[in-house]
Amino acid sequence: MANTVVIGVEGDAALYMIDLDAKTVEPIEALGQDALLKANAIRSTGAPVINGINFAVKVAQAPALSAGHFDGH
């Protein structure tokens, strides 16, 4: 899992592990993992936690992204 990203989305308390090589997304438990637990606590205050990601954006619909249109809100 060299190409793995952990992501949390505003409005969803869960954290997800994305394995870019395997092209999978799985919910993960932050409990018992100090770094994830700390990051999850920080993100619960509304602050972003970014490490090693140089671009990320939440889009309303996948078709809008694939059509080349992008909702930056």
N, C-alpha and C. Protein backbone atom coordinates (compact mmCIF):
# COMPACT_ATOMS: atom_id res chain seq x y z
N MET A 1 0.82 -1.20 0.00
CA MET A 1 0.00 0.00 0.00
C MET A 1 0.86 1.26 0.00
N ALA A 2 1.72 1.38 -0.94
CA ALA A 2 2.58 2.55 -1.02
C ALA A 2 1.82 3.79 -1.44
N ASN A 3 0.75 3.63 -2.18
CA ASN A 3 -0.05 4.75 -2.66
C ASN A 3 -1.39 4.76 -1.94
N THR A 4 -1.36 5.12 -0.67
CA THR A 4 -2.56 5.09 0.16
C THR A 4 -2.85 6.48 0.71
N VAL A 5 -4.13 6.85 0.73
CA VAL A 5 -4.58 8.13 1.23
C VAL A 5 -5.67 7.87 2.26
N VAL A 6 -5.65 8.60 3.37
CA VAL A 6 -6.74 8.56 4.33
C VAL A 6 -7.48 9.88 4.17
N ILE A 7 -8.80 9.80 4.03
CA ILE A 7 -9.59 11.00 3.78
C ILE A 7 -10.82 11.02 4.67
N GLY A 8 -11.20 12.21 5.04
CA GLY A 8 -12.44 12.45 5.77
C GLY A 8 -13.18 13.54 5.03
N VAL A 9 -14.48 13.42 4.94
CA VAL A 9 -15.30 14.38 4.21
C VAL A 9 -16.17 15.14 5.21
N GLU A 10 -16.23 16.45 5.05
CA GLU A 10 -17.05 17.28 5.92
C GLU A 10 -18.47 16.74 5.96
N GLY A 11 -19.02 16.63 7.16
CA GLY A 11 -20.37 16.11 7.32
C GLY A 11 -20.44 14.60 7.51
N ASP A 12 -19.30 13.93 7.42
CA ASP A 12 -19.21 12.48 7.61
C ASP A 12 -18.13 12.22 8.64
N ALA A 13 -18.49 11.62 9.77
CA ALA A 13 -17.53 11.41 10.86
C ALA A 13 -16.51 10.31 10.55
N ALA A 14 -16.78 9.49 9.55
CA ALA A 14 -15.89 8.37 9.23
C ALA A 14 -14.62 8.84 8.53
N LEU A 15 -13.58 8.03 8.65
CA LEU A 15 -12.36 8.19 7.86
C LEU A 15 -12.32 7.03 6.87
N TYR A 16 -11.77 7.28 5.70
CA TYR A 16 -11.70 6.26 4.66
C TYR A 16 -10.27 6.09 4.19
N MET A 17 -9.87 4.85 3.94
CA MET A 17 -8.56 4.55 3.38
C MET A 17 -8.76 4.27 1.89
N ILE A 18 -8.02 5.00 1.08
CA ILE A 18 -8.08 4.84 -0.37
C ILE A 18 -6.75 4.25 -0.81
N ASP A 19 -6.80 3.07 -1.39
CA ASP A 19 -5.61 2.42 -1.94
C ASP A 19 -5.63 2.71 -3.44
N LEU A 20 -4.78 3.63 -3.87
CA LEU A 20 -4.78 4.04 -5.27
C LEU A 20 -4.31 2.94 -6.21
N ASP A 21 -3.40 2.09 -5.73
CA ASP A 21 -2.93 0.99 -6.57
C ASP A 21 -4.02 -0.05 -6.79
N ALA A 22 -4.72 -0.41 -5.72
CA ALA A 22 -5.78 -1.43 -5.82
C ALA A 22 -7.12 -0.82 -6.25
N LYS A 23 -7.20 0.52 -6.24
CA LYS A 23 -8.43 1.23 -6.60
C LYS A 23 -9.59 0.83 -5.70
N THR A 24 -9.32 0.86 -4.36
CA THR A 24 -10.34 0.52 -3.38
C THR A 24 -10.48 1.63 -2.35
N VAL A 25 -11.67 1.69 -1.76
CA VAL A 25 -11.96 2.62 -0.68
C VAL A 25 -12.62 1.82 0.44
N GLU A 26 -12.08 1.97 1.67
CA GLU A 26 -12.63 1.24 2.81
C GLU A 26 -12.71 2.15 4.01
N PRO A 27 -13.81 2.10 4.76
CA PRO A 27 -13.86 2.86 6.01
C PRO A 27 -12.85 2.27 6.99
N ILE A 28 -12.25 3.13 7.81
CA ILE A 28 -11.28 2.65 8.79
C ILE A 28 -11.65 3.15 10.17
N GLU A 29 -11.17 2.46 11.16
CA GLU A 29 -11.35 2.85 12.55
C GLU A 29 -10.11 3.64 13.00
N ALA A 30 -10.31 4.83 13.53
CA ALA A 30 -9.18 5.64 14.01
C ALA A 30 -8.77 5.22 15.42
N LEU A 31 -9.65 4.54 16.13
CA LEU A 31 -9.34 4.16 17.50
C LEU A 31 -8.13 3.23 17.54
N GLY A 32 -7.23 3.51 18.45
CA GLY A 32 -6.04 2.68 18.60
C GLY A 32 -4.90 3.09 17.68
N GLN A 33 -5.12 4.05 16.83
CA GLN A 33 -4.08 4.55 15.93
C GLN A 33 -3.86 6.02 16.28
N ASP A 34 -2.85 6.29 17.09
CA ASP A 34 -2.64 7.62 17.65
C ASP A 34 -2.66 8.74 16.62
N ALA A 35 -1.94 8.58 15.52
CA ALA A 35 -1.87 9.65 14.52
C ALA A 35 -3.24 9.92 13.90
N LEU A 36 -3.98 8.85 13.58
CA LEU A 36 -5.31 9.05 12.99
C LEU A 36 -6.28 9.62 14.00
N LEU A 37 -6.17 9.19 15.24
CA LEU A 37 -7.04 9.70 16.30
C LEU A 37 -6.82 11.19 16.50
N LYS A 38 -5.55 11.63 16.50
CA LYS A 38 -5.23 13.05 16.65
C LYS A 38 -5.74 13.84 15.44
N ALA A 39 -5.51 13.33 14.25
CA ALA A 39 -5.96 14.01 13.03
C ALA A 39 -7.47 14.12 13.01
N ASN A 40 -8.16 13.07 13.43
CA ASN A 40 -9.62 13.09 13.44
C ASN A 40 -10.13 14.10 14.46
N ALA A 41 -9.46 14.24 15.59
CA ALA A 41 -9.86 15.23 16.59
C ALA A 41 -9.67 16.64 16.05
N ILE A 42 -8.57 16.87 15.35
CA ILE A 42 -8.31 18.19 14.76
C ILE A 42 -9.35 18.49 13.69
N ARG A 43 -9.65 17.51 12.85
CA ARG A 43 -10.60 17.75 11.76
C ARG A 43 -12.01 17.97 12.29
N SER A 44 -12.34 17.42 13.46
CA SER A 44 -13.67 17.61 14.04
C SER A 44 -13.90 19.07 14.43
N THR A 45 -12.83 19.86 14.57
CA THR A 45 -12.95 21.29 14.87
C THR A 45 -13.17 22.11 13.59
N GLY A 46 -13.07 21.45 12.44
CA GLY A 46 -13.24 22.14 11.16
C GLY A 46 -11.94 22.47 10.47
N ALA A 47 -10.82 22.18 11.12
CA ALA A 47 -9.51 22.48 10.54
C ALA A 47 -9.11 21.38 9.56
N PRO A 48 -8.56 21.74 8.41
CA PRO A 48 -8.07 20.72 7.48
C PRO A 48 -6.75 20.12 7.96
N VAL A 49 -6.56 18.86 7.68
CA VAL A 49 -5.30 18.18 7.99
C VAL A 49 -4.76 17.66 6.66
N ILE A 50 -3.64 18.21 6.22
CA ILE A 50 -3.10 17.87 4.90
C ILE A 50 -1.64 17.48 5.04
N ASN A 51 -1.28 16.32 4.50
CA ASN A 51 0.11 15.88 4.54
C ASN A 51 0.36 15.05 3.28
N GLY A 52 1.15 15.57 2.37
CA GLY A 52 1.51 14.82 1.17
C GLY A 52 0.47 14.86 0.06
N ILE A 53 -0.55 15.69 0.20
CA ILE A 53 -1.58 15.84 -0.83
C ILE A 53 -1.42 17.22 -1.43
N ASN A 54 -1.33 17.31 -2.75
CA ASN A 54 -1.15 18.64 -3.34
C ASN A 54 -2.38 19.14 -4.08
N PHE A 55 -3.45 18.32 -4.12
CA PHE A 55 -4.70 18.78 -4.71
C PHE A 55 -5.83 17.87 -4.23
N ALA A 56 -6.90 18.48 -3.74
CA ALA A 56 -8.09 17.74 -3.34
C ALA A 56 -9.27 18.69 -3.38
N VAL A 57 -10.39 18.22 -3.88
CA VAL A 57 -11.59 19.03 -3.92
C VAL A 57 -12.81 18.11 -3.88
N LYS A 58 -13.82 18.51 -3.17
CA LYS A 58 -15.06 17.75 -3.12
C LYS A 58 -15.97 18.25 -4.23
N VAL A 59 -16.49 17.35 -5.05
CA VAL A 59 -17.39 17.74 -6.13
C VAL A 59 -18.78 17.17 -5.84
N ALA A 60 -19.79 17.86 -6.34
CA ALA A 60 -21.17 17.45 -6.07
C ALA A 60 -21.52 16.17 -6.82
N GLN A 61 -21.04 16.02 -8.05
CA GLN A 61 -21.39 14.87 -8.86
C GLN A 61 -20.20 14.46 -9.72
N ALA A 62 -19.97 13.18 -9.84
CA ALA A 62 -18.88 12.68 -10.69
C ALA A 62 -19.06 13.08 -12.15
N PRO A 63 -20.27 13.05 -12.71
CA PRO A 63 -20.41 13.45 -14.13
C PRO A 63 -19.94 14.87 -14.40
N ALA A 64 -20.13 15.77 -13.44
CA ALA A 64 -19.67 17.15 -13.64
C ALA A 64 -18.15 17.20 -13.75
N LEU A 65 -17.47 16.39 -12.96
CA LEU A 65 -16.01 16.35 -13.02
C LEU A 65 -15.54 15.75 -14.33
N SER A 66 -16.15 14.64 -14.74
CA SER A 66 -15.71 13.98 -15.97
C SER A 66 -16.09 14.78 -17.21
N ALA A 67 -17.04 15.69 -17.08
CA ALA A 67 -17.42 16.54 -18.21
C ALA A 67 -16.50 17.75 -18.32
N GLY A 68 -15.59 17.88 -17.36
CA GLY A 68 -14.65 18.99 -17.40
C GLY A 68 -15.16 20.21 -16.66
N HIS A 69 -16.32 20.08 -16.04
CA HIS A 69 -16.88 21.18 -15.24
C HIS A 69 -16.68 20.85 -13.78
N PHE A 70 -16.44 21.84 -12.99
CA PHE A 70 -15.98 21.62 -11.66
C PHE A 70 -16.60 22.63 -10.72
N ASP A 71 -17.29 22.16 -9.73
CA ASP A 71 -17.93 23.02 -8.75
C ASP A 71 -16.96 23.27 -7.61
N GLY A 72 -16.39 24.43 -7.53
CA GLY A 72 -15.39 24.74 -6.52
C GLY A 72 -15.97 25.18 -5.19
N HIS A 73 -17.26 25.06 -5.00
CA HIS A 73 -17.88 25.48 -3.74
C HIS A 73 -17.77 24.42 -2.71
